[in-house]
Amino acid sequence: MKRIGIAASHIAKDDLVLYNVFVILLSCLLSLFIFLVSAFTVAAGMALTSWATRGFMAIDPGAMLVKVSLAGLAAATGLINLTAIMVNIKFKR
């Protein structure tokens, strides 16, 4: 999480408003990347489990298990994102 602040400070070059914008931008991009990788892993795991237990029947994307899993993953990723923003944001120098 500290590396987000380091990268933002290198990009912003002593501009506090720009630093805060880049902290938010970088943490959101990192959270999106983490969510996409994790969601693909969860979906692939569910598909492989479904394939191994029932043959080639795929899990219905509208199934409650998929919705709950991805909602929980989104909530965890959002909390990590908010923590990263709160750790790195600055109000005064």
Protein backbone atom coordinates (compact mmCIF):
# COMPACT_ATOMS: atom_id res chain seq x y z
CA MET A 1 0.00 0.00 0.00
CA LYS A 2 2.87 2.37 0.66
CA ARG A 3 4.13 1.86 -2.89
CA ILE A 4 0.99 3.54 -4.21
CA GLY A 5 2.01 6.70 -2.33
CA ILE A 6 5.59 6.43 -3.54
CA ALA A 7 4.48 6.08 -7.17
CA ALA A 8 1.99 8.94 -6.81
CA SER A 9 4.63 11.23 -5.31
CA HIS A 10 7.01 10.52 -8.20
CA ILE A 11 4.28 11.28 -10.73
CA ALA A 12 2.87 14.38 -8.98
CA LYS A 13 6.24 16.09 -8.29
CA ASP A 14 5.32 18.08 -5.11
CA ASP A 15 1.75 19.01 -6.09
CA LEU A 16 -0.53 17.95 -3.23
CA VAL A 17 -3.81 17.95 -5.19
CA LEU A 18 -2.28 16.01 -8.05
CA TYR A 19 -0.73 13.59 -5.53
CA ASN A 20 -4.14 12.86 -4.00
CA VAL A 21 -5.70 12.39 -7.45
CA PHE A 22 -2.97 9.92 -8.42
CA VAL A 23 -3.30 8.05 -5.12
CA ILE A 24 -7.00 7.53 -5.80
CA LEU A 25 -6.42 6.67 -9.46
CA LEU A 26 -3.61 4.20 -8.80
CA SER A 27 -5.41 2.48 -5.93
CA CYS A 28 -8.58 2.11 -8.02
CA LEU A 29 -6.63 0.67 -10.94
CA LEU A 30 -4.81 -1.74 -8.66
CA SER A 31 -8.08 -2.80 -7.03
CA LEU A 32 -9.67 -3.36 -10.43
CA PHE A 33 -6.74 -5.53 -11.49
CA ILE A 34 -6.88 -7.54 -8.25
CA PHE A 35 -10.65 -7.98 -8.62
CA LEU A 36 -10.41 -9.16 -12.23
CA VAL A 37 -7.67 -11.67 -11.48
CA SER A 38 -9.48 -12.97 -8.39
CA ALA A 39 -12.86 -13.12 -10.13
CA PHE A 40 -11.36 -15.12 -12.99
CA THR A 41 -9.81 -17.50 -10.47
CA VAL A 42 -13.11 -17.93 -8.62
CA ALA A 43 -15.05 -18.45 -11.86
CA ALA A 44 -12.49 -20.92 -13.19
CA GLY A 45 -12.53 -22.83 -9.91
CA MET A 46 -16.31 -23.05 -9.96
CA ALA A 47 -16.32 -24.14 -13.61
CA LEU A 48 -13.68 -26.82 -12.96
CA THR A 49 -15.56 -28.06 -9.91
CA SER A 50 -18.78 -28.20 -11.90
CA TRP A 51 -17.04 -30.00 -14.75
CA ALA A 52 -15.44 -32.54 -12.40
CA THR A 53 -18.66 -33.30 -10.54
CA ARG A 54 -21.28 -33.23 -13.32
CA GLY A 55 -19.47 -33.64 -16.59
CA PHE A 56 -19.53 -30.71 -18.96
CA MET A 57 -22.45 -28.88 -17.34
CA ALA A 58 -21.43 -25.28 -16.69
CA ILE A 59 -22.53 -23.35 -13.63
CA ASP A 60 -25.35 -20.96 -14.43
CA PRO A 61 -23.91 -17.39 -14.27
CA GLY A 62 -27.12 -16.27 -12.57
CA ALA A 63 -26.72 -18.82 -9.78
CA MET A 64 -26.78 -17.50 -6.23
CA LEU A 65 -23.36 -19.02 -5.43
CA VAL A 66 -21.69 -17.02 -8.19
CA LYS A 67 -23.44 -13.81 -7.16
CA VAL A 68 -22.54 -14.19 -3.49
CA SER A 69 -18.93 -15.13 -4.25
CA LEU A 70 -18.34 -12.18 -6.54
CA ALA A 71 -20.18 -9.77 -4.22
CA GLY A 72 -17.99 -10.86 -1.31
CA LEU A 73 -14.91 -10.51 -3.48
CA ALA A 74 -15.99 -7.01 -4.52
CA ALA A 75 -16.58 -6.02 -0.90
CA ALA A 76 -13.15 -7.31 0.18
CA THR A 77 -11.44 -5.56 -2.73
CA GLY A 78 -13.31 -2.34 -1.94
CA LEU A 79 -12.18 -2.44 1.69
CA ILE A 80 -8.59 -2.95 0.61
CA ASN A 81 -8.96 -0.02 -1.81
CA LEU A 82 -10.35 2.28 0.89
CA THR A 83 -7.57 1.26 3.26
CA ALA A 84 -4.94 2.03 0.63
CA ILE A 85 -6.47 5.44 -0.02
CA MET A 86 -6.70 6.31 3.68
CA VAL A 87 -3.09 5.28 4.31
CA ASN A 88 -1.70 7.32 1.41
CA ILE A 89 -3.86 10.44 1.20
CA LYS A 90 -2.38 13.69 2.55
CA PHE A 91 -4.15 16.89 3.54
CA LYS A 92 -1.20 19.13 4.40
CA ARG A 93 2.52 18.88 3.85
